[in-house]
Amino acid sequence: IFNGIIMGYFFEFYSKTGDNKFLGYT
């Protein structure tokens, strides 16, 4: 569950900023 939340937040950051580093963290 918490892995999903972490993945979701980083993907959310990526979707808002377009910064590929967040996609990597995702």
PDB file of all heavy atoms in Angstrom:
ATOM      1  N   ILE A   1       0.832  -1.209   0.000  1.00  0.00           N
ATOM      2  CA  ILE A   1       0.000   0.000   0.000  1.00  0.00           C
ATOM      3  C   ILE A   1       0.863   1.254   0.000  1.00  0.00           C
ATOM      4  O   ILE A   1       0.658   2.169  -0.818  1.00  0.00           O
ATOM      5  CB  ILE A   1      -0.952  -0.005   1.219  1.00  0.00           C
ATOM      6  CG1 ILE A   1      -2.025  -1.084   1.047  1.00  0.00           C
ATOM      7  CG2 ILE A   1      -1.607   1.377   1.397  1.00  0.00           C
ATOM      8  CD1 ILE A   1      -2.898  -1.277   2.274  1.00  0.00           C
ATOM      9  N   PHE A   2       1.830   1.320   0.901  1.00  0.00           N
ATOM     10  CA  PHE A   2       2.657   2.528   0.980  1.00  0.00           C
ATOM     11  C   PHE A   2       3.596   2.652  -0.214  1.00  0.00           C
ATOM     12  O   PHE A   2       3.934   3.769  -0.626  1.00  0.00           O
ATOM     13  CB  PHE A   2       3.413   2.575   2.305  1.00  0.00           C
ATOM     14  CG  PHE A   2       2.551   3.014   3.449  1.00  0.00           C
ATOM     15  CD1 PHE A   2       2.027   2.089   4.341  1.00  0.00           C
ATOM     16  CD2 PHE A   2       2.218   4.346   3.605  1.00  0.00           C
ATOM     17  CE1 PHE A   2       1.204   2.488   5.379  1.00  0.00           C
ATOM     18  CE2 PHE A   2       1.396   4.765   4.641  1.00  0.00           C
ATOM     19  CZ  PHE A   2       0.886   3.834   5.533  1.00  0.00           C
ATOM     20  N   ASN A   3       3.999   1.532  -0.794  1.00  0.00           N
ATOM     21  CA  ASN A   3       4.743   1.609  -2.048  1.00  0.00           C
ATOM     22  C   ASN A   3       3.878   2.228  -3.135  1.00  0.00           C
ATOM     23  O   ASN A   3       4.358   3.018  -3.951  1.00  0.00           O
ATOM     24  CB  ASN A   3       5.206   0.213  -2.477  1.00  0.00           C
ATOM     25  CG  ASN A   3       6.715   0.078  -2.431  1.00  0.00           C
ATOM     26  OD1 ASN A   3       7.418   0.944  -1.932  1.00  0.00           O
ATOM     27  ND2 ASN A   3       7.226  -1.017  -2.946  1.00  0.00           N
ATOM     28  N   GLY A   4       2.606   1.861  -3.163  1.00  0.00           N
ATOM     29  CA  GLY A   4       1.694   2.444  -4.129  1.00  0.00           C
ATOM     30  C   GLY A   4       1.532   3.940  -3.930  1.00  0.00           C
ATOM     31  O   GLY A   4       1.493   4.715  -4.889  1.00  0.00           O
ATOM     32  N   ILE A   5       1.432   4.362  -2.674  1.00  0.00           N
ATOM     33  CA  ILE A   5       1.298   5.793  -2.372  1.00  0.00           C
ATOM     34  C   ILE A   5       2.554   6.548  -2.818  1.00  0.00           C
ATOM     35  O   ILE A   5       2.460   7.613  -3.450  1.00  0.00           O
ATOM     36  CB  ILE A   5       1.054   5.999  -0.860  1.00  0.00           C
ATOM     37  CG1 ILE A   5      -0.317   5.437  -0.475  1.00  0.00           C
ATOM     38  CG2 ILE A   5       1.144   7.477  -0.494  1.00  0.00           C
ATOM     39  CD1 ILE A   5      -0.569   5.402   1.022  1.00  0.00           C
ATOM     40  N   ILE A   6       3.733   5.993  -2.507  1.00  0.00           N
ATOM     41  CA  ILE A   6       4.992   6.624  -2.912  1.00  0.00           C
ATOM     42  C   ILE A   6       5.077   6.714  -4.435  1.00  0.00           C
ATOM     43  O   ILE A   6       5.425   7.751  -5.007  1.00  0.00           O
ATOM     44  CB  ILE A   6       6.181   5.842  -2.330  1.00  0.00           C
ATOM     45  CG1 ILE A   6       6.225   6.006  -0.807  1.00  0.00           C
ATOM     46  CG2 ILE A   6       7.499   6.297  -2.960  1.00  0.00           C
ATOM     47  CD1 ILE A   6       7.141   5.027  -0.098  1.00  0.00           C
ATOM     48  N   MET A   7       4.746   5.622  -5.111  1.00  0.00           N
ATOM     49  CA  MET A   7       4.746   5.610  -6.569  1.00  0.00           C
ATOM     50  C   MET A   7       3.779   6.655  -7.116  1.00  0.00           C
ATOM     51  O   MET A   7       4.097   7.392  -8.066  1.00  0.00           O
ATOM     52  CB  MET A   7       4.371   4.221  -7.087  1.00  0.00           C
ATOM     53  CG  MET A   7       4.377   4.102  -8.606  1.00  0.00           C
ATOM     54  SD  MET A   7       3.957   2.430  -9.195  1.00  0.00           S
ATOM     55  CE  MET A   7       5.458   1.540  -8.790  1.00  0.00           C
ATOM     56  N   GLY A   8       2.613   6.745  -6.505  1.00  0.00           N
ATOM     57  CA  GLY A   8       1.612   7.691  -6.971  1.00  0.00           C
ATOM     58  C   GLY A   8       2.047   9.136  -6.824  1.00  0.00           C
ATOM     59  O   GLY A   8       1.842   9.955  -7.730  1.00  0.00           O
ATOM     60  N   TYR A   9       2.652   9.467  -5.697  1.00  0.00           N
ATOM     61  CA  TYR A   9       3.114  10.847  -5.491  1.00  0.00           C
ATOM     62  C   TYR A   9       4.184  11.223  -6.509  1.00  0.00           C
ATOM     63  O   TYR A   9       4.141  12.315  -7.092  1.00  0.00           O
ATOM     64  CB  TYR A   9       3.650  11.037  -4.072  1.00  0.00           C
ATOM     65  CG  TYR A   9       2.590  11.428  -3.078  1.00  0.00           C
ATOM     66  CD1 TYR A   9       2.325  10.641  -1.963  1.00  0.00           C
ATOM     67  CD2 TYR A   9       1.843  12.602  -3.252  1.00  0.00           C
ATOM     68  CE1 TYR A   9       1.344  10.996  -1.049  1.00  0.00           C
ATOM     69  CE2 TYR A   9       0.867  12.960  -2.330  1.00  0.00           C
ATOM     70  CZ  TYR A   9       0.625  12.159  -1.230  1.00  0.00           C
ATOM     71  OH  TYR A   9      -0.348  12.523  -0.334  1.00  0.00           O
ATOM     72  N   PHE A  10       5.150  10.353  -6.740  1.00  0.00           N
ATOM     73  CA  PHE A  10       6.207  10.681  -7.692  1.00  0.00           C
ATOM     74  C   PHE A  10       5.659  10.779  -9.114  1.00  0.00           C
ATOM     75  O   PHE A  10       6.091  11.635  -9.896  1.00  0.00           O
ATOM     76  CB  PHE A  10       7.347   9.663  -7.622  1.00  0.00           C
ATOM     77  CG  PHE A  10       8.322   9.929  -6.515  1.00  0.00           C
ATOM     78  CD1 PHE A  10       8.574   8.982  -5.536  1.00  0.00           C
ATOM     79  CD2 PHE A  10       9.003  11.135  -6.451  1.00  0.00           C
ATOM     80  CE1 PHE A  10       9.485   9.236  -4.509  1.00  0.00           C
ATOM     81  CE2 PHE A  10       9.916  11.399  -5.438  1.00  0.00           C
ATOM     82  CZ  PHE A  10      10.151  10.448  -4.460  1.00  0.00           C
ATOM     83  N   PHE A  11       4.700   9.912  -9.443  1.00  0.00           N
ATOM     84  CA  PHE A  11       4.092  10.008 -10.779  1.00  0.00           C
ATOM     85  C   PHE A  11       3.278  11.288 -10.897  1.00  0.00           C
ATOM     86  O   PHE A  11       3.226  11.902 -11.963  1.00  0.00           O
ATOM     87  CB  PHE A  11       3.210   8.788 -11.049  1.00  0.00           C
ATOM     88  CG  PHE A  11       2.913   8.590 -12.507  1.00  0.00           C
ATOM     89  CD1 PHE A  11       3.745   7.783 -13.280  1.00  0.00           C
ATOM     90  CD2 PHE A  11       1.824   9.186 -13.116  1.00  0.00           C
ATOM     91  CE1 PHE A  11       3.490   7.594 -14.631  1.00  0.00           C
ATOM     92  CE2 PHE A  11       1.567   9.002 -14.458  1.00  0.00           C
ATOM     93  CZ  PHE A  11       2.394   8.207 -15.222  1.00  0.00           C
ATOM     94  N   GLU A  12       2.655  11.693  -9.808  1.00  0.00           N
ATOM     95  CA  GLU A  12       1.912  12.952  -9.769  1.00  0.00           C
ATOM     96  C   GLU A  12       2.865  14.126 -10.001  1.00  0.00           C
ATOM     97  O   GLU A  12       2.567  15.045 -10.774  1.00  0.00           O
ATOM     98  CB  GLU A  12       1.217  13.058  -8.419  1.00  0.00           C
ATOM     99  CG  GLU A  12       0.220  14.136  -8.246  1.00  0.00           C
ATOM    100  CD  GLU A  12      -1.217  13.823  -8.571  1.00  0.00           C
ATOM    101  OE1 GLU A  12      -1.838  12.944  -7.948  1.00  0.00           O
ATOM    102  OE2 GLU A  12      -1.723  14.537  -9.434  1.00  0.00           O
ATOM    103  N   PHE A  13       4.034  14.100  -9.333  1.00  0.00           N
ATOM    104  CA  PHE A  13       5.040  15.146  -9.555  1.00  0.00           C
ATOM    105  C   PHE A  13       5.475  15.166 -11.019  1.00  0.00           C
ATOM    106  O   PHE A  13       5.635  16.238 -11.622  1.00  0.00           O
ATOM    107  CB  PHE A  13       6.263  14.917  -8.661  1.00  0.00           C
ATOM    108  CG  PHE A  13       6.048  15.234  -7.215  1.00  0.00           C
ATOM    109  CD1 PHE A  13       6.474  14.368  -6.223  1.00  0.00           C
ATOM    110  CD2 PHE A  13       5.425  16.412  -6.827  1.00  0.00           C
ATOM    111  CE1 PHE A  13       6.279  14.663  -4.884  1.00  0.00           C
ATOM    112  CE2 PHE A  13       5.224  16.721  -5.487  1.00  0.00           C
ATOM    113  CZ  PHE A  13       5.658  15.844  -4.509  1.00  0.00           C
ATOM    114  N   TYR A  14       5.691  13.981 -11.584  1.00  0.00           N
ATOM    115  CA  TYR A  14       6.099  13.900 -12.987  1.00  0.00           C
ATOM    116  C   TYR A  14       5.028  14.469 -13.906  1.00  0.00           C
ATOM    117  O   TYR A  14       5.327  15.231 -14.849  1.00  0.00           O
ATOM    118  CB  TYR A  14       6.395  12.452 -13.363  1.00  0.00           C
ATOM    119  CG  TYR A  14       6.512  12.230 -14.852  1.00  0.00           C
ATOM    120  CD1 TYR A  14       7.627  12.699 -15.553  1.00  0.00           C
ATOM    121  CD2 TYR A  14       5.510  11.563 -15.556  1.00  0.00           C
ATOM    122  CE1 TYR A  14       7.732  12.512 -16.930  1.00  0.00           C
ATOM    123  CE2 TYR A  14       5.618  11.377 -16.927  1.00  0.00           C
ATOM    124  CZ  TYR A  14       6.714  11.852 -17.607  1.00  0.00           C
ATOM    125  OH  TYR A  14       6.812  11.676 -18.963  1.00  0.00           O
ATOM    126  N   SER A  15       3.772  14.114 -13.653  1.00  0.00           N
ATOM    127  CA  SER A  15       2.688  14.568 -14.527  1.00  0.00           C
ATOM    128  C   SER A  15       2.507  16.084 -14.471  1.00  0.00           C
ATOM    129  O   SER A  15       2.089  16.698 -15.448  1.00  0.00           O
ATOM    130  CB  SER A  15       1.376  13.871 -14.154  1.00  0.00           C
ATOM    131  OG  SER A  15       0.891  14.337 -12.913  1.00  0.00           O
ATOM    132  N   LYS A  16       2.824  16.694 -13.338  1.00  0.00           N
ATOM    133  CA  LYS A  16       2.656  18.137 -13.177  1.00  0.00           C
ATOM    134  C   LYS A  16       3.859  18.921 -13.674  1.00  0.00           C
ATOM    135  O   LYS A  16       3.724  20.057 -14.134  1.00  0.00           O
ATOM    136  CB  LYS A  16       2.410  18.478 -11.708  1.00  0.00           C
ATOM    137  CG  LYS A  16       1.171  17.828 -11.091  1.00  0.00           C
ATOM    138  CD  LYS A  16      -0.106  18.308 -11.743  1.00  0.00           C
ATOM    139  CE  LYS A  16      -1.335  17.713 -11.031  1.00  0.00           C
ATOM    140  NZ  LYS A  16      -2.585  18.099 -11.696  1.00  0.00           N
ATOM    141  N   THR A  17       5.070  18.342 -13.552  1.00  0.00           N
ATOM    142  CA  THR A  17       6.285  19.088 -13.883  1.00  0.00           C
ATOM    143  C   THR A  17       6.933  18.656 -15.193  1.00  0.00           C
ATOM    144  O   THR A  17       7.666  19.431 -15.804  1.00  0.00           O
ATOM    145  CB  THR A  17       7.329  18.935 -12.762  1.00  0.00           C
ATOM    146  OG1 THR A  17       7.766  17.562 -12.697  1.00  0.00           O
ATOM    147  CG2 THR A  17       6.743  19.354 -11.412  1.00  0.00           C
ATOM    148  N   GLY A  18       6.686  17.403 -15.617  1.00  0.00           N
ATOM    149  CA  GLY A  18       7.347  16.877 -16.802  1.00  0.00           C
ATOM    150  C   GLY A  18       8.809  16.545 -16.583  1.00  0.00           C
ATOM    151  O   GLY A  18       9.539  16.228 -17.534  1.00  0.00           O
ATOM    152  N   ASP A  19       9.261  16.582 -15.327  1.00  0.00           N
ATOM    153  CA  ASP A  19      10.659  16.302 -14.992  1.00  0.00           C
ATOM    154  C   ASP A  19      10.878  14.793 -14.943  1.00  0.00           C
ATOM    155  O   ASP A  19      10.283  14.094 -14.123  1.00  0.00           O
ATOM    156  CB  ASP A  19      10.997  16.941 -13.643  1.00  0.00           C
ATOM    157  CG  ASP A  19      12.487  16.930 -13.348  1.00  0.00           C
ATOM    158  OD1 ASP A  19      13.191  16.048 -13.877  1.00  0.00           O
ATOM    159  OD2 ASP A  19      12.941  17.793 -12.578  1.00  0.00           O
ATOM    160  N   ASN A  20      11.747  14.289 -15.809  1.00  0.00           N
ATOM    161  CA  ASN A  20      11.956  12.843 -15.922  1.00  0.00           C
ATOM    162  C   ASN A  20      12.551  12.208 -14.670  1.00  0.00           C
ATOM    163  O   ASN A  20      12.450  10.993 -14.479  1.00  0.00           O
ATOM    164  CB  ASN A  20      12.843  12.527 -17.126  1.00  0.00           C
ATOM    165  CG  ASN A  20      12.105  12.674 -18.440  1.00  0.00           C
ATOM    166  OD1 ASN A  20      10.899  12.477 -18.507  1.00  0.00           O
ATOM    167  ND2 ASN A  20      12.823  13.035 -19.483  1.00  0.00           N
ATOM    168  N   LYS A  21      13.196  13.027 -13.821  1.00  0.00           N
ATOM    169  CA  LYS A  21      13.759  12.436 -12.611  1.00  0.00           C
ATOM    170  C   LYS A  21      12.654  11.868 -11.725  1.00  0.00           C
ATOM    171  O   LYS A  21      12.839  10.844 -11.050  1.00  0.00           O
ATOM    172  CB  LYS A  21      14.581  13.459 -11.834  1.00  0.00           C
ATOM    173  CG  LYS A  21      13.794  14.525 -11.097  1.00  0.00           C
ATOM    174  CD  LYS A  21      14.696  15.460 -10.310  1.00  0.00           C
ATOM    175  CE  LYS A  21      13.883  16.517  -9.561  1.00  0.00           C
ATOM    176  NZ  LYS A  21      14.743  17.479  -8.843  1.00  0.00           N
ATOM    177  N   PHE A  22      11.480  12.510 -11.734  1.00  0.00           N
ATOM    178  CA  PHE A  22      10.364  12.002 -10.936  1.00  0.00           C
ATOM    179  C   PHE A  22       9.832  10.695 -11.518  1.00  0.00           C
ATOM    180  O   PHE A  22       9.370   9.824 -10.775  1.00  0.00           O
ATOM    181  CB  PHE A  22       9.248  13.038 -10.844  1.00  0.00           C
ATOM    182  CG  PHE A  22       9.605  14.249 -10.034  1.00  0.00           C
ATOM    183  CD1 PHE A  22       9.591  15.512 -10.590  1.00  0.00           C
ATOM    184  CD2 PHE A  22       9.974  14.122  -8.704  1.00  0.00           C
ATOM    185  CE1 PHE A  22       9.937  16.633  -9.844  1.00  0.00           C
ATOM    186  CE2 PHE A  22      10.317  15.220  -7.945  1.00  0.00           C
ATOM    187  CZ  PHE A  22      10.303  16.478  -8.520  1.00  0.00           C
ATOM    188  N   LEU A  23       9.911  10.549 -12.840  1.00  0.00           N
ATOM    189  CA  LEU A  23       9.507   9.286 -13.461  1.00  0.00           C
ATOM    190  C   LEU A  23      10.451   8.170 -13.023  1.00  0.00           C
ATOM    191  O   LEU A  23      10.020   7.043 -12.768  1.00  0.00           O
ATOM    192  CB  LEU A  23       9.518   9.427 -14.979  1.00  0.00           C
ATOM    193  CG  LEU A  23       8.829   8.309 -15.771  1.00  0.00           C
ATOM    194  CD1 LEU A  23       7.349   8.219 -15.431  1.00  0.00           C
ATOM    195  CD2 LEU A  23       9.010   8.544 -17.265  1.00  0.00           C
ATOM    196  N   GLY A  24      11.738   8.499 -12.916  1.00  0.00           N
ATOM    197  CA  GLY A  24      12.703   7.520 -12.424  1.00  0.00           C
ATOM    198  C   GLY A  24      12.433   7.123 -10.991  1.00  0.00           C
ATOM    199  O   GLY A  24      12.445   5.932 -10.648  1.00  0.00           O
ATOM    200  N   TYR A  25      12.166   8.126 -10.133  1.00  0.00           N
ATOM    201  CA  TYR A  25      11.836   7.830  -8.743  1.00  0.00           C
ATOM    202  C   TYR A  25      10.562   6.995  -8.640  1.00  0.00           C
ATOM    203  O   TYR A  25      10.435   6.153  -7.733  1.00  0.00           O
ATOM    204  CB  TYR A  25      11.636   9.124  -7.948  1.00  0.00           C
ATOM    205  CG  TYR A  25      12.868   9.990  -7.804  1.00  0.00           C
ATOM    206  CD1 TYR A  25      12.756  11.369  -7.681  1.00  0.00           C
ATOM    207  CD2 TYR A  25      14.142   9.432  -7.784  1.00  0.00           C
ATOM    208  CE1 TYR A  25      13.877  12.185  -7.553  1.00  0.00           C
ATOM    209  CE2 TYR A  25      15.268  10.230  -7.654  1.00  0.00           C
ATOM    210  CZ  TYR A  25      15.128  11.599  -7.538  1.00  0.00           C
ATOM    211  OH  TYR A  25      16.240  12.398  -7.407  1.00  0.00           O
ATOM    212  N   THR A  26       9.628   7.236  -9.550  1.00  0.00           N
ATOM    213  CA  THR A  26       8.346   6.524  -9.527  1.00  0.00           C
ATOM    214  C   THR A  26       8.545   5.017  -9.553  1.00  0.00           C
ATOM    215  O   THR A  26       7.844   4.272  -8.865  1.00  0.00           O
ATOM    216  CB  THR A  26       7.474   6.944 -10.727  1.00  0.00           C
ATOM    217  OG1 THR A  26       7.217   8.343 -10.659  1.00  0.00           O
ATOM    218  CG2 THR A  26       6.145   6.195 -10.741  1.00  0.00           C
TER     219      THR A  26
END
